C-alpha atoms as a PDB file:
ATOM      1  CA  MET A   1     -18.366 -16.244 -17.514  1.00  0.00           C
ATOM      2  CA  ALA A   2     -14.634 -16.951 -17.748  1.00  0.00           C
ATOM      3  CA  GLU A   3     -14.138 -13.355 -18.877  1.00  0.00           C
ATOM      4  CA  LEU A   4     -15.732 -12.072 -15.668  1.00  0.00           C
ATOM      5  CA  GLU A   5     -13.645 -14.416 -13.536  1.00  0.00           C
ATOM      6  CA  SER A   6     -10.513 -13.217 -15.301  1.00  0.00           C
ATOM      7  CA  GLU A   7     -11.473  -9.592 -14.662  1.00  0.00           C
ATOM      8  CA  ILE A   8     -12.179 -10.339 -11.001  1.00  0.00           C
ATOM      9  CA  LEU A   9      -8.734 -11.926 -10.630  1.00  0.00           C
ATOM     10  CA  GLN A  10      -7.096  -8.891 -12.241  1.00  0.00           C
ATOM     11  CA  LEU A  11      -8.999  -6.516  -9.977  1.00  0.00           C
ATOM     12  CA  ARG A  12      -8.118  -8.518  -6.868  1.00  0.00           C
ATOM     13  CA  LYS A  13      -4.452  -8.460  -7.866  1.00  0.00           C
ATOM     14  CA  ALA A  14      -4.598  -4.696  -8.435  1.00  0.00           C
ATOM     15  CA  LEU A  15      -6.305  -4.237  -5.072  1.00  0.00           C
ATOM     16  CA  ASN A  16      -3.638  -6.261  -3.284  1.00  0.00           C
ATOM     17  CA  GLU A  17      -0.895  -4.221  -4.961  1.00  0.00           C
ATOM     18  CA  ALA A  18      -2.628  -0.997  -3.949  1.00  0.00           C
ATOM     19  CA  ARG A  19      -2.922  -2.220  -0.357  1.00  0.00           C
ATOM     20  CA  LEU A  20       0.780  -3.136  -0.283  1.00  0.00           C
ATOM     21  CA  GLY A  21       1.656   0.301  -1.603  1.00  0.00           C
ATOM     22  CA  ARG A  22      -0.561   1.932   1.003  1.00  0.00           C
ATOM     23  CA  ASP A  23       1.066  -0.064   3.786  1.00  0.00           C
ATOM     24  CA  ILE A  24       4.543   0.890   2.589  1.00  0.00           C
ATOM     25  CA  ILE A  25       3.567   4.562   2.499  1.00  0.00           C
ATOM     26  CA  LYS A  26       2.093   4.321   6.016  1.00  0.00           C
ATOM     27  CA  LYS A  27       5.281   2.759   7.366  1.00  0.00           C
ATOM     28  CA  ALA A  28       7.493   5.270   5.570  1.00  0.00           C
ATOM     29  CA  THR A  29       5.410   8.157   6.899  1.00  0.00           C
ATOM     30  CA  ALA A  30       5.673   6.851  10.456  1.00  0.00           C
ATOM     31  CA  TYR A  31       9.430   6.325  10.059  1.00  0.00           C
ATOM     32  CA  PHE A  32      10.095   9.815   8.738  1.00  0.00           C
ATOM     33  CA  ALA A  33       7.786  11.401  11.300  1.00  0.00           C
ATOM     34  CA  GLN A  34       9.761   9.669  14.060  1.00  0.00           C
ATOM     35  CA  GLU A  35      13.064  10.776  12.479  1.00  0.00           C
ATOM     36  CA  SER A  36      11.750  14.324  12.303  1.00  0.00           C
ATOM     37  CA  LEU A  37      10.774  14.300  15.987  1.00  0.00           C
ATOM     38  CA  GLU A  38      14.169  12.963  17.012  1.00  0.00           C
ATOM     39  CA  ASN A  39      15.987  15.621  14.994  1.00  0.00           C
ATOM     40  CA  THR A  40      14.064  18.497  16.599  1.00  0.00           C
ATOM     41  CA  ARG A  41      15.184  17.598  20.118  1.00  0.00           C
END
């Protein structure tokens, strides 16, 4: 049972890291898209 709990904790940590990475990529994409729009005017 402890083995399963340990695996669940590892998976939750990996999921949180993936979500953080996704959020950073979203923000970076929005930033560079805005920069691109400003540079075309």
